[in-house]
Amino acid sequence: MIPRGRPWAALVLVVAGVACLVAAALGTRMLAAAAVAMIGLAGWQLWQRRKLVEADVRYVTGQVNELKELAEGAVWALHAYAREAETRATQAAEDAAELTRLIRRGPRAAH
């Protein structure tokens, strides 16, 4: 995404177009045609800007949805890891108990 500033070019065109319309009321029709062209160009620039903003919104929405899916997957992976850790902890406790029994019985118990 590109940070977008204010649409200064479109604003200048609108102001110039309005000034030309006022001057056209006092003068020639060429100024009126220029005013309409400037205001039309400003409208086109603002429409293009709106389309770019909408595209940015769609992109960001897609990224947010993708991140939500990744986060949900990570949560489920953490749950699976926690269950596996509980199983390993239980197995480690059983192994420690077995080793303790073997150590108490001594080296003769191995034969």
PDB file of N, CA and C in Angstrom:
ATOM      1  N   MET A   1       0.834  -1.180   0.000  1.00  0.00           N
ATOM      2  CA  MET A   1       0.000   0.000   0.000  1.00  0.00           C
ATOM      3  C   MET A   1       0.877   1.240   0.000  1.00  0.00           C
ATOM      4  N   ILE A   2       0.451   2.202  -0.748  1.00  0.00           N
ATOM      5  CA  ILE A   2       1.164   3.469  -0.833  1.00  0.00           C
ATOM      6  C   ILE A   2       0.382   4.510  -0.040  1.00  0.00           C
ATOM      7  N   PRO A   3       1.054   5.207   0.886  1.00  0.00           N
ATOM      8  CA  PRO A   3       0.331   6.267   1.601  1.00  0.00           C
ATOM      9  C   PRO A   3      -0.093   7.343   0.601  1.00  0.00           C
ATOM     10  N   ARG A   4      -1.317   7.717   0.673  1.00  0.00           N
ATOM     11  CA  ARG A   4      -1.852   8.689  -0.273  1.00  0.00           C
ATOM     12  C   ARG A   4      -2.091  10.017   0.443  1.00  0.00           C
ATOM     13  N   GLY A   5      -1.578  11.063  -0.163  1.00  0.00           N
ATOM     14  CA  GLY A   5      -1.787  12.402   0.379  1.00  0.00           C
ATOM     15  C   GLY A   5      -3.120  12.959  -0.106  1.00  0.00           C
ATOM     16  N   ARG A   6      -3.281  14.213   0.105  1.00  0.00           N
ATOM     17  CA  ARG A   6      -4.516  14.862  -0.348  1.00  0.00           C
ATOM     18  C   ARG A   6      -4.484  15.002  -1.874  1.00  0.00           C
ATOM     19  N   PRO A   7      -5.626  14.994  -2.500  1.00  0.00           N
ATOM     20  CA  PRO A   7      -5.670  15.114  -3.966  1.00  0.00           C
ATOM     21  C   PRO A   7      -5.543  16.573  -4.413  1.00  0.00           C
ATOM     22  N   TRP A   8      -4.351  17.133  -4.229  1.00  0.00           N
ATOM     23  CA  TRP A   8      -4.144  18.551  -4.523  1.00  0.00           C
ATOM     24  C   TRP A   8      -4.381  18.876  -5.991  1.00  0.00           C
ATOM     25  N   ALA A   9      -3.950  18.014  -6.886  1.00  0.00           N
ATOM     26  CA  ALA A   9      -4.111  18.302  -8.316  1.00  0.00           C
ATOM     27  C   ALA A   9      -5.590  18.433  -8.669  1.00  0.00           C
ATOM     28  N   ALA A  10      -6.416  17.535  -8.146  1.00  0.00           N
ATOM     29  CA  ALA A  10      -7.850  17.597  -8.425  1.00  0.00           C
ATOM     30  C   ALA A  10      -8.466  18.853  -7.812  1.00  0.00           C
ATOM     31  N   LEU A  11      -8.040  19.205  -6.607  1.00  0.00           N
ATOM     32  CA  LEU A  11      -8.576  20.408  -5.973  1.00  0.00           C
ATOM     33  C   LEU A  11      -8.204  21.672  -6.750  1.00  0.00           C
ATOM     34  N   VAL A  12      -6.963  21.728  -7.235  1.00  0.00           N
ATOM     35  CA  VAL A  12      -6.527  22.879  -8.027  1.00  0.00           C
ATOM     36  C   VAL A  12      -7.332  22.949  -9.319  1.00  0.00           C
ATOM     37  N   LEU A  13      -7.560  21.795  -9.958  1.00  0.00           N
ATOM     38  CA  LEU A  13      -8.351  21.780 -11.190  1.00  0.00           C
ATOM     39  C   LEU A  13      -9.783  22.253 -10.947  1.00  0.00           C
ATOM     40  N   VAL A  14     -10.374  21.844  -9.840  1.00  0.00           N
ATOM     41  CA  VAL A  14     -11.741  22.278  -9.529  1.00  0.00           C
ATOM     42  C   VAL A  14     -11.775  23.791  -9.325  1.00  0.00           C
ATOM     43  N   VAL A  15     -10.823  24.310  -8.550  1.00  0.00           N
ATOM     44  CA  VAL A  15     -10.789  25.756  -8.299  1.00  0.00           C
ATOM     45  C   VAL A  15     -10.564  26.516  -9.608  1.00  0.00           C
ATOM     46  N   ALA A  16      -9.630  26.032 -10.437  1.00  0.00           N
ATOM     47  CA  ALA A  16      -9.372  26.692 -11.720  1.00  0.00           C
ATOM     48  C   ALA A  16     -10.598  26.604 -12.630  1.00  0.00           C
ATOM     49  N   GLY A  17     -11.279  25.461 -12.599  1.00  0.00           N
ATOM     50  CA  GLY A  17     -12.480  25.299 -13.407  1.00  0.00           C
ATOM     51  C   GLY A  17     -13.587  26.251 -12.993  1.00  0.00           C
ATOM     52  N   VAL A  18     -13.763  26.395 -11.691  1.00  0.00           N
ATOM     53  CA  VAL A  18     -14.788  27.318 -11.192  1.00  0.00           C
ATOM     54  C   VAL A  18     -14.406  28.754 -11.556  1.00  0.00           C
ATOM     55  N   ALA A  19     -13.133  29.086 -11.448  1.00  0.00           N
ATOM     56  CA  ALA A  19     -12.670  30.432 -11.827  1.00  0.00           C
ATOM     57  C   ALA A  19     -12.915  30.678 -13.314  1.00  0.00           C
ATOM     58  N   CYS A  20     -12.671  29.668 -14.122  1.00  0.00           N
ATOM     59  CA  CYS A  20     -12.919  29.809 -15.565  1.00  0.00           C
ATOM     60  C   CYS A  20     -14.415  29.950 -15.851  1.00  0.00           C
ATOM     61  N   LEU A  21     -15.248  29.256 -15.107  1.00  0.00           N
ATOM     62  CA  LEU A  21     -16.698  29.406 -15.296  1.00  0.00           C
ATOM     63  C   LEU A  21     -17.154  30.822 -14.955  1.00  0.00           C
ATOM     64  N   VAL A  22     -16.613  31.353 -13.885  1.00  0.00           N
ATOM     65  CA  VAL A  22     -16.957  32.730 -13.508  1.00  0.00           C
ATOM     66  C   VAL A  22     -16.473  33.693 -14.592  1.00  0.00           C
ATOM     67  N   ALA A  23     -15.247  33.472 -15.077  1.00  0.00           N
ATOM     68  CA  ALA A  23     -14.713  34.335 -16.141  1.00  0.00           C
ATOM     69  C   ALA A  23     -15.501  34.146 -17.431  1.00  0.00           C
ATOM     70  N   ALA A  24     -15.989  32.938 -17.682  1.00  0.00           N
ATOM     71  CA  ALA A  24     -16.763  32.674 -18.899  1.00  0.00           C
ATOM     72  C   ALA A  24     -18.089  33.415 -18.863  1.00  0.00           C
ATOM     73  N   ALA A  25     -18.633  33.602 -17.680  1.00  0.00           N
ATOM     74  CA  ALA A  25     -19.883  34.351 -17.568  1.00  0.00           C
ATOM     75  C   ALA A  25     -19.662  35.798 -17.999  1.00  0.00           C
ATOM     76  N   LEU A  26     -18.449  36.256 -17.817  1.00  0.00           N
ATOM     77  CA  LEU A  26     -18.135  37.630 -18.191  1.00  0.00           C
ATOM     78  C   LEU A  26     -17.501  37.724 -19.582  1.00  0.00           C
ATOM     79  N   GLY A  27     -17.024  36.592 -20.124  1.00  0.00           N
ATOM     80  CA  GLY A  27     -16.268  36.660 -21.377  1.00  0.00           C
ATOM     81  C   GLY A  27     -16.694  35.631 -22.400  1.00  0.00           C
ATOM     82  N   THR A  28     -15.742  34.883 -22.889  1.00  0.00           N
ATOM     83  CA  THR A  28     -15.943  34.000 -24.045  1.00  0.00           C
ATOM     84  C   THR A  28     -16.364  32.593 -23.642  1.00  0.00           C
ATOM     85  N   ARG A  29     -16.809  31.873 -24.645  1.00  0.00           N
ATOM     86  CA  ARG A  29     -17.223  30.482 -24.425  1.00  0.00           C
ATOM     87  C   ARG A  29     -16.024  29.538 -24.319  1.00  0.00           C
ATOM     88  N   MET A  30     -14.886  29.963 -24.827  1.00  0.00           N
ATOM     89  CA  MET A  30     -13.685  29.126 -24.726  1.00  0.00           C
ATOM     90  C   MET A  30     -13.323  28.884 -23.260  1.00  0.00           C
ATOM     91  N   LEU A  31     -13.523  29.891 -22.443  1.00  0.00           N
ATOM     92  CA  LEU A  31     -13.251  29.714 -21.017  1.00  0.00           C
ATOM     93  C   LEU A  31     -14.229  28.719 -20.406  1.00  0.00           C
ATOM     94  N   ALA A  32     -15.466  28.715 -20.866  1.00  0.00           N
ATOM     95  CA  ALA A  32     -16.453  27.758 -20.357  1.00  0.00           C
ATOM     96  C   ALA A  32     -16.057  26.344 -20.741  1.00  0.00           C
ATOM     97  N   ALA A  33     -15.578  26.161 -21.972  1.00  0.00           N
ATOM     98  CA  ALA A  33     -15.128  24.825 -22.408  1.00  0.00           C
ATOM     99  C   ALA A  33     -13.917  24.377 -21.590  1.00  0.00           C
ATOM    100  N   ALA A  34     -13.002  25.301 -21.352  1.00  0.00           N
ATOM    101  CA  ALA A  34     -11.829  24.968 -20.535  1.00  0.00           C
ATOM    102  C   ALA A  34     -12.257  24.618 -19.114  1.00  0.00           C
ATOM    103  N   ALA A  35     -13.234  25.349 -18.594  1.00  0.00           N
ATOM    104  CA  ALA A  35     -13.709  25.080 -17.230  1.00  0.00           C
ATOM    105  C   ALA A  35     -14.322  23.691 -17.147  1.00  0.00           C
ATOM    106  N   VAL A  36     -15.138  23.346 -18.123  1.00  0.00           N
ATOM    107  CA  VAL A  36     -15.768  22.012 -18.121  1.00  0.00           C
ATOM    108  C   VAL A  36     -14.700  20.927 -18.233  1.00  0.00           C
ATOM    109  N   ALA A  37     -13.702  21.160 -19.073  1.00  0.00           N
ATOM    110  CA  ALA A  37     -12.620  20.181 -19.227  1.00  0.00           C
ATOM    111  C   ALA A  37     -11.841  20.021 -17.925  1.00  0.00           C
ATOM    112  N   MET A  38     -11.550  21.123 -17.258  1.00  0.00           N
ATOM    113  CA  MET A  38     -10.796  21.044 -15.997  1.00  0.00           C
ATOM    114  C   MET A  38     -11.596  20.332 -14.911  1.00  0.00           C
ATOM    115  N   ILE A  39     -12.865  20.663 -14.803  1.00  0.00           N
ATOM    116  CA  ILE A  39     -13.699  20.024 -13.777  1.00  0.00           C
ATOM    117  C   ILE A  39     -13.878  18.542 -14.102  1.00  0.00           C
ATOM    118  N   GLY A  40     -14.008  18.221 -15.391  1.00  0.00           N
ATOM    119  CA  GLY A  40     -14.102  16.811 -15.791  1.00  0.00           C
ATOM    120  C   GLY A  40     -12.830  16.046 -15.469  1.00  0.00           C
ATOM    121  N   LEU A  41     -11.687  16.638 -15.738  1.00  0.00           N
ATOM    122  CA  LEU A  41     -10.403  15.999 -15.417  1.00  0.00           C
ATOM    123  C   LEU A  41     -10.261  15.815 -13.911  1.00  0.00           C
ATOM    124  N   ALA A  42     -10.674  16.799 -13.151  1.00  0.00           N
ATOM    125  CA  ALA A  42     -10.611  16.677 -11.684  1.00  0.00           C
ATOM    126  C   ALA A  42     -11.505  15.544 -11.207  1.00  0.00           C
ATOM    127  N   GLY A  43     -12.710  15.456 -11.782  1.00  0.00           N
ATOM    128  CA  GLY A  43     -13.609  14.356 -11.411  1.00  0.00           C
ATOM    129  C   GLY A  43     -13.016  13.007 -11.751  1.00  0.00           C
ATOM    130  N   TRP A  44     -12.360  12.909 -12.907  1.00  0.00           N
ATOM    131  CA  TRP A  44     -11.729  11.646 -13.309  1.00  0.00           C
ATOM    132  C   TRP A  44     -10.593  11.286 -12.351  1.00  0.00           C
ATOM    133  N   GLN A  45      -9.790  12.272 -11.944  1.00  0.00           N
ATOM    134  CA  GLN A  45      -8.701  12.011 -10.999  1.00  0.00           C
ATOM    135  C   GLN A  45      -9.245  11.539  -9.650  1.00  0.00           C
ATOM    136  N   LEU A  46     -10.316  12.172  -9.192  1.00  0.00           N
ATOM    137  CA  LEU A  46     -10.913  11.752  -7.919  1.00  0.00           C
ATOM    138  C   LEU A  46     -11.499  10.351  -8.025  1.00  0.00           C
ATOM    139  N   TRP A  47     -12.087  10.015  -9.162  1.00  0.00           N
ATOM    140  CA  TRP A  47     -12.640   8.660  -9.367  1.00  0.00           C
ATOM    141  C   TRP A  47     -11.515   7.628  -9.363  1.00  0.00           C
ATOM    142  N   GLN A  48     -10.394   7.934 -10.048  1.00  0.00           N
ATOM    143  CA  GLN A  48      -9.241   7.026 -10.056  1.00  0.00           C
ATOM    144  C   GLN A  48      -8.695   6.832  -8.645  1.00  0.00           C
ATOM    145  N   ARG A  49      -8.641   7.924  -7.897  1.00  0.00           N
ATOM    146  CA  ARG A  49      -8.152   7.849  -6.516  1.00  0.00           C
ATOM    147  C   ARG A  49      -9.064   6.953  -5.677  1.00  0.00           C
ATOM    148  N   ARG A  50     -10.381   7.099  -5.862  1.00  0.00           N
ATOM    149  CA  ARG A  50     -11.324   6.267  -5.117  1.00  0.00           C
ATOM    150  C   ARG A  50     -11.142   4.794  -5.463  1.00  0.00           C
ATOM    151  N   LYS A  51     -10.910   4.494  -6.741  1.00  0.00           N
ATOM    152  CA  LYS A  51     -10.670   3.108  -7.157  1.00  0.00           C
ATOM    153  C   LYS A  51      -9.402   2.556  -6.509  1.00  0.00           C
ATOM    154  N   LEU A  52      -8.360   3.369  -6.420  1.00  0.00           N
ATOM    155  CA  LEU A  52      -7.118   2.931  -5.770  1.00  0.00           C
ATOM    156  C   LEU A  52      -7.337   2.663  -4.285  1.00  0.00           C
ATOM    157  N   VAL A  53      -8.106   3.516  -3.636  1.00  0.00           N
ATOM    158  CA  VAL A  53      -8.397   3.322  -2.211  1.00  0.00           C
ATOM    159  C   VAL A  53      -9.202   2.043  -2.014  1.00  0.00           C
ATOM    160  N   GLU A  54     -10.176   1.796  -2.888  1.00  0.00           N
ATOM    161  CA  GLU A  54     -10.970   0.568  -2.787  1.00  0.00           C
ATOM    162  C   GLU A  54     -10.092  -0.658  -2.996  1.00  0.00           C
ATOM    163  N   ALA A  55      -9.150  -0.579  -3.941  1.00  0.00           N
ATOM    164  CA  ALA A  55      -8.225  -1.698  -4.157  1.00  0.00           C
ATOM    165  C   ALA A  55      -7.367  -1.927  -2.918  1.00  0.00           C
ATOM    166  N   ASP A  56      -6.914  -0.841  -2.287  1.00  0.00           N
ATOM    167  CA  ASP A  56      -6.136  -0.972  -1.052  1.00  0.00           C
ATOM    168  C   ASP A  56      -6.961  -1.634   0.050  1.00  0.00           C
ATOM    169  N   VAL A  57      -8.227  -1.256   0.142  1.00  0.00           N
ATOM    170  CA  VAL A  57      -9.104  -1.840   1.163  1.00  0.00           C
ATOM    171  C   VAL A  57      -9.275  -3.334   0.909  1.00  0.00           C
ATOM    172  N   ARG A  58      -9.470  -3.716  -0.350  1.00  0.00           N
ATOM    173  CA  ARG A  58      -9.599  -5.147  -0.668  1.00  0.00           C
ATOM    174  C   ARG A  58      -8.326  -5.905  -0.329  1.00  0.00           C
ATOM    175  N   TYR A  59      -7.172  -5.309  -0.628  1.00  0.00           N
ATOM    176  CA  TYR A  59      -5.895  -5.946  -0.321  1.00  0.00           C
ATOM    177  C   TYR A  59      -5.719  -6.139   1.179  1.00  0.00           C
ATOM    178  N   VAL A  60      -5.991  -5.086   1.940  1.00  0.00           N
ATOM    179  CA  VAL A  60      -5.828  -5.164   3.396  1.00  0.00           C
ATOM    180  C   VAL A  60      -6.816  -6.177   3.983  1.00  0.00           C
ATOM    181  N   THR A  61      -8.040  -6.188   3.482  1.00  0.00           N
ATOM    182  CA  THR A  61      -9.026  -7.156   3.967  1.00  0.00           C
ATOM    183  C   THR A  61      -8.548  -8.578   3.703  1.00  0.00           C
ATOM    184  N   GLY A  62      -8.008  -8.817   2.525  1.00  0.00           N
ATOM    185  CA  GLY A  62      -7.465 -10.141   2.208  1.00  0.00           C
ATOM    186  C   GLY A  62      -6.325 -10.520   3.131  1.00  0.00           C
ATOM    187  N   GLN A  63      -5.437  -9.567   3.399  1.00  0.00           N
ATOM    188  CA  GLN A  63      -4.318  -9.842   4.299  1.00  0.00           C
ATOM    189  C   GLN A  63      -4.803 -10.143   5.714  1.00  0.00           C
ATOM    190  N   VAL A  64      -5.794  -9.389   6.183  1.00  0.00           N
ATOM    191  CA  VAL A  64      -6.335  -9.612   7.532  1.00  0.00           C
ATOM    192  C   VAL A  64      -6.973 -10.995   7.607  1.00  0.00           C
ATOM    193  N   ASN A  65      -7.735 -11.371   6.581  1.00  0.00           N
ATOM    194  CA  ASN A  65      -8.350 -12.701   6.581  1.00  0.00           C
ATOM    195  C   ASN A  65      -7.297 -13.803   6.577  1.00  0.00           C
ATOM    196  N   GLU A  66      -6.236 -13.610   5.801  1.00  0.00           N
ATOM    197  CA  GLU A  66      -5.157 -14.603   5.771  1.00  0.00           C
ATOM    198  C   GLU A  66      -4.486 -14.711   7.137  1.00  0.00           C
ATOM    199  N   LEU A  67      -4.265 -13.577   7.788  1.00  0.00           N
ATOM    200  CA  LEU A  67      -3.649 -13.602   9.114  1.00  0.00           C
ATOM    201  C   LEU A  67      -4.562 -14.262  10.145  1.00  0.00           C
ATOM    202  N   LYS A  68      -5.877 -14.052  10.011  1.00  0.00           N
ATOM    203  CA  LYS A  68      -6.816 -14.712  10.922  1.00  0.00           C
ATOM    204  C   LYS A  68      -6.732 -16.227  10.763  1.00  0.00           C
ATOM    205  N   GLU A  69      -6.683 -16.690   9.511  1.00  0.00           N
ATOM    206  CA  GLU A  69      -6.576 -18.129   9.270  1.00  0.00           C
ATOM    207  C   GLU A  69      -5.276 -18.685   9.839  1.00  0.00           C
ATOM    208  N   LEU A  70      -4.183 -17.953   9.642  1.00  0.00           N
ATOM    209  CA  LEU A  70      -2.903 -18.403  10.193  1.00  0.00           C
ATOM    210  C   LEU A  70      -2.938 -18.440  11.722  1.00  0.00           C
ATOM    211  N   ALA A  71      -3.572 -17.450  12.319  1.00  0.00           N
ATOM    212  CA  ALA A  71      -3.664 -17.423  13.786  1.00  0.00           C
ATOM    213  C   ALA A  71      -4.496 -18.595  14.297  1.00  0.00           C
ATOM    214  N   GLU A  72      -5.607 -18.882  13.619  1.00  0.00           N
ATOM    215  CA  GLU A  72      -6.425 -20.019  14.038  1.00  0.00           C
ATOM    216  C   GLU A  72      -5.644 -21.327  13.911  1.00  0.00           C
ATOM    217  N   GLY A  73      -4.891 -21.469  12.821  1.00  0.00           N
ATOM    218  CA  GLY A  73      -4.057 -22.659  12.655  1.00  0.00           C
ATOM    219  C   GLY A  73      -3.007 -22.767  13.746  1.00  0.00           C
ATOM    220  N   ALA A  74      -2.428 -21.629  14.124  1.00  0.00           N
ATOM    221  CA  ALA A  74      -1.421 -21.630  15.187  1.00  0.00           C
ATOM    222  C   ALA A  74      -2.037 -22.025  16.521  1.00  0.00           C
ATOM    223  N   VAL A  75      -3.261 -21.571  16.786  1.00  0.00           N
ATOM    224  CA  VAL A  75      -3.933 -21.930  18.040  1.00  0.00           C
ATOM    225  C   VAL A  75      -4.162 -23.427  18.091  1.00  0.00           C
ATOM    226  N   TRP A  76      -4.650 -23.996  16.978  1.00  0.00           N
ATOM    227  CA  TRP A  76      -4.877 -25.445  16.970  1.00  0.00           C
ATOM    228  C   TRP A  76      -3.568 -26.212  17.100  1.00  0.00           C
ATOM    229  N   ALA A  77      -2.493 -25.707  16.486  1.00  0.00           N
ATOM    230  CA  ALA A  77      -1.189 -26.356  16.626  1.00  0.00           C
ATOM    231  C   ALA A  77      -0.712 -26.300  18.072  1.00  0.00           C
ATOM    232  N   LEU A  78      -0.941 -25.179  18.745  1.00  0.00           N
ATOM    233  CA  LEU A  78      -0.551 -25.078  20.153  1.00  0.00           C
ATOM    234  C   LEU A  78      -1.359 -26.033  21.028  1.00  0.00           C
ATOM    235  N   HIS A  79      -2.647 -26.191  20.717  1.00  0.00           N
ATOM    236  CA  HIS A  79      -3.458 -27.153  21.467  1.00  0.00           C
ATOM    237  C   HIS A  79      -2.918 -28.568  21.278  1.00  0.00           C
ATOM    238  N   ALA A  80      -2.581 -28.919  20.043  1.00  0.00           N
ATOM    239  CA  ALA A  80      -2.031 -30.253  19.774  1.00  0.00           C
ATOM    240  C   ALA A  80      -0.695 -30.430  20.500  1.00  0.00           C
ATOM    241  N   TYR A  81       0.125 -29.389  20.494  1.00  0.00           N
ATOM    242  CA  TYR A  81       1.409 -29.460  21.191  1.00  0.00           C
ATOM    243  C   TYR A  81       1.199 -29.644  22.692  1.00  0.00           C
ATOM    244  N   ALA A  82       0.207 -28.951  23.245  1.00  0.00           N
ATOM    245  CA  ALA A  82      -0.071 -29.089  24.683  1.00  0.00           C
ATOM    246  C   ALA A  82      -0.517 -30.509  25.015  1.00  0.00           C
ATOM    247  N   ARG A  83      -1.382 -31.082  24.162  1.00  0.00           N
ATOM    248  CA  ARG A  83      -1.809 -32.470  24.408  1.00  0.00           C
ATOM    249  C   ARG A  83      -0.617 -33.422  24.325  1.00  0.00           C
ATOM    250  N   GLU A  84       0.246 -33.196  23.344  1.00  0.00           N
ATOM    251  CA  GLU A  84       1.427 -34.049  23.193  1.00  0.00           C
ATOM    252  C   GLU A  84       2.362 -33.869  24.383  1.00  0.00           C
ATOM    253  N   ALA A  85       2.477 -32.642  24.879  1.00  0.00           N
ATOM    254  CA  ALA A  85       3.341 -32.388  26.033  1.00  0.00           C
ATOM    255  C   ALA A  85       2.810 -33.107  27.276  1.00  0.00           C
ATOM    256  N   GLU A  86       1.491 -33.141  27.438  1.00  0.00           N
ATOM    257  CA  GLU A  86       0.909 -33.873  28.572  1.00  0.00           C
ATOM    258  C   GLU A  86       1.224 -35.361  28.467  1.00  0.00           C
ATOM    259  N   THR A  87       1.103 -35.904  27.262  1.00  0.00           N
ATOM    260  CA  THR A  87       1.416 -37.325  27.055  1.00  0.00           C
ATOM    261  C   THR A  87       2.881 -37.593  27.361  1.00  0.00           C
ATOM    262  N   ARG A  88       3.761 -36.720  26.884  1.00  0.00           N
ATOM    263  CA  ARG A  88       5.195 -36.900  27.141  1.00  0.00           C
ATOM    264  C   ARG A  88       5.508 -36.755  28.625  1.00  0.00           C
ATOM    265  N   ALA A  89       4.846 -35.834  29.306  1.00  0.00           N
ATOM    266  CA  ALA A  89       5.076 -35.674  30.740  1.00  0.00           C
ATOM    267  C   ALA A  89       4.654 -36.928  31.498  1.00  0.00           C
ATOM    268  N   THR A  90       3.520 -37.506  31.113  1.00  0.00           N
ATOM    269  CA  THR A  90       3.064 -38.747  31.743  1.00  0.00           C
ATOM    270  C   THR A  90       4.070 -39.867  31.496  1.00  0.00           C
ATOM    271  N   GLN A  91       4.533 -39.989  30.243  1.00  0.00           N
ATOM    272  CA  GLN A  91       5.517 -41.021  29.910  1.00  0.00           C
ATOM    273  C   GLN A  91       6.820 -40.795  30.668  1.00  0.00           C
ATOM    274  N   ALA A  92       7.246 -39.549  30.796  1.00  0.00           N
ATOM    275  CA  ALA A  92       8.483 -39.248  31.535  1.00  0.00           C
ATOM    276  C   ALA A  92       8.324 -39.618  33.006  1.00  0.00           C
ATOM    277  N   ALA A  93       7.154 -39.367  33.598  1.00  0.00           N
ATOM    278  CA  ALA A  93       6.928 -39.736  35.000  1.00  0.00           C
ATOM    279  C   ALA A  93       6.974 -41.252  35.166  1.00  0.00           C
ATOM    280  N   GLU A  94       6.378 -41.974  34.226  1.00  0.00           N
ATOM    281  CA  GLU A  94       6.422 -43.440  34.301  1.00  0.00           C
ATOM    282  C   GLU A  94       7.846 -43.951  34.160  1.00  0.00           C
ATOM    283  N   ASP A  95       8.609 -43.376  33.227  1.00  0.00           N
ATOM    284  CA  ASP A  95       9.999 -43.787  33.035  1.00  0.00           C
ATOM    285  C   ASP A  95      10.832 -43.485  34.281  1.00  0.00           C
ATOM    286  N   ALA A  96      10.599 -42.328  34.908  1.00  0.00           N
ATOM    287  CA  ALA A  96      11.335 -41.972  36.122  1.00  0.00           C
ATOM    288  C   ALA A  96      11.000 -42.939  37.248  1.00  0.00           C
ATOM    289  N   ALA A  97       9.729 -43.326  37.350  1.00  0.00           N
ATOM    290  CA  ALA A  97       9.342 -44.288  38.388  1.00  0.00           C
ATOM    291  C   ALA A  97      10.010 -45.638  38.142  1.00  0.00           C
ATOM    292  N   GLU A  98      10.067 -46.058  36.886  1.00  0.00           N
ATOM    293  CA  GLU A  98      10.716 -47.339  36.552  1.00  0.00           C
ATOM    294  C   GLU A  98      12.207 -47.280  36.856  1.00  0.00           C
ATOM    295  N   LEU A  99      12.861 -46.176  36.497  1.00  0.00           N
ATOM    296  CA  LEU A  99      14.284 -46.038  36.813  1.00  0.00           C
ATOM    297  C   LEU A  99      14.522 -46.041  38.319  1.00  0.00           C
ATOM    298  N   THR A 100      13.656 -45.383  39.072  1.00  0.00           N
ATOM    299  CA  THR A 100      13.789 -45.358  40.524  1.00  0.00           C
ATOM    300  C   THR A 100      13.677 -46.769  41.078  1.00  0.00           C
ATOM    301  N   ARG A 101      12.727 -47.550  40.584  1.00  0.00           N
ATOM    302  CA  ARG A 101      12.586 -48.938  41.032  1.00  0.00           C
ATOM    303  C   ARG A 101      13.839 -49.750  40.727  1.00  0.00           C
ATOM    304  N   LEU A 102      14.370 -49.579  39.512  1.00  0.00           N
ATOM    305  CA  LEU A 102      15.574 -50.337  39.134  1.00  0.00           C
ATOM    306  C   LEU A 102      16.769 -49.936  39.990  1.00  0.00           C
ATOM    307  N   ILE A 103      16.892 -48.654  40.289  1.00  0.00           N
ATOM    308  CA  ILE A 103      18.029 -48.190  41.105  1.00  0.00           C
ATOM    309  C   ILE A 103      17.891 -48.728  42.527  1.00  0.00           C
ATOM    310  N   ARG A 104      16.696 -48.766  43.075  1.00  0.00           N
ATOM    311  CA  ARG A 104      16.501 -49.270  44.443  1.00  0.00           C
ATOM    312  C   ARG A 104      16.783 -50.773  44.542  1.00  0.00           C
ATOM    313  N   ARG A 105      16.461 -51.494  43.493  1.00  0.00           N
ATOM    314  CA  ARG A 105      16.672 -52.950  43.531  1.00  0.00           C
ATOM    315  C   ARG A 105      18.135 -53.300  43.360  1.00  0.00           C
ATOM    316  N   GLY A 106      18.899 -52.390  42.766  1.00  0.00           N
ATOM    317  CA  GLY A 106      20.330 -52.616  42.671  1.00  0.00           C
ATOM    318  C   GLY A 106      20.738 -53.279  41.362  1.00  0.00           C
ATOM    319  N   PRO A 107      22.064 -53.479  41.209  1.00  0.00           N
ATOM    320  CA  PRO A 107      22.593 -54.043  39.966  1.00  0.00           C
ATOM    321  C   PRO A 107      22.228 -55.519  39.782  1.00  0.00           C
ATOM    322  N   ARG A 108      21.939 -56.259  40.837  1.00  0.00           N
ATOM    323  CA  ARG A 108      21.608 -57.673  40.715  1.00  0.00           C
ATOM    324  C   ARG A 108      20.257 -57.864  40.030  1.00  0.00           C
ATOM    325  N   ALA A 109      19.383 -56.893  40.127  1.00  0.00           N
ATOM    326  CA  ALA A 109      18.037 -57.040  39.572  1.00  0.00           C
ATOM    327  C   ALA A 109      18.063 -57.039  38.033  1.00  0.00           C
ATOM    328  N   ALA A 110      19.126 -56.528  37.463  1.00  0.00           N
ATOM    329  CA  ALA A 110      19.207 -56.461  35.999  1.00  0.00           C
ATOM    330  C   ALA A 110      19.443 -57.837  35.395  1.00  0.00           C
ATOM    331  N   HIS A 111      20.026 -58.809  36.152  1.00  0.00           N
ATOM    332  CA  HIS A 111      20.341 -60.147  35.625  1.00  0.00           C
ATOM    333  C   HIS A 111      19.212 -61.053  35.778  1.00  0.00           C
TER     334      HIS A 111
END
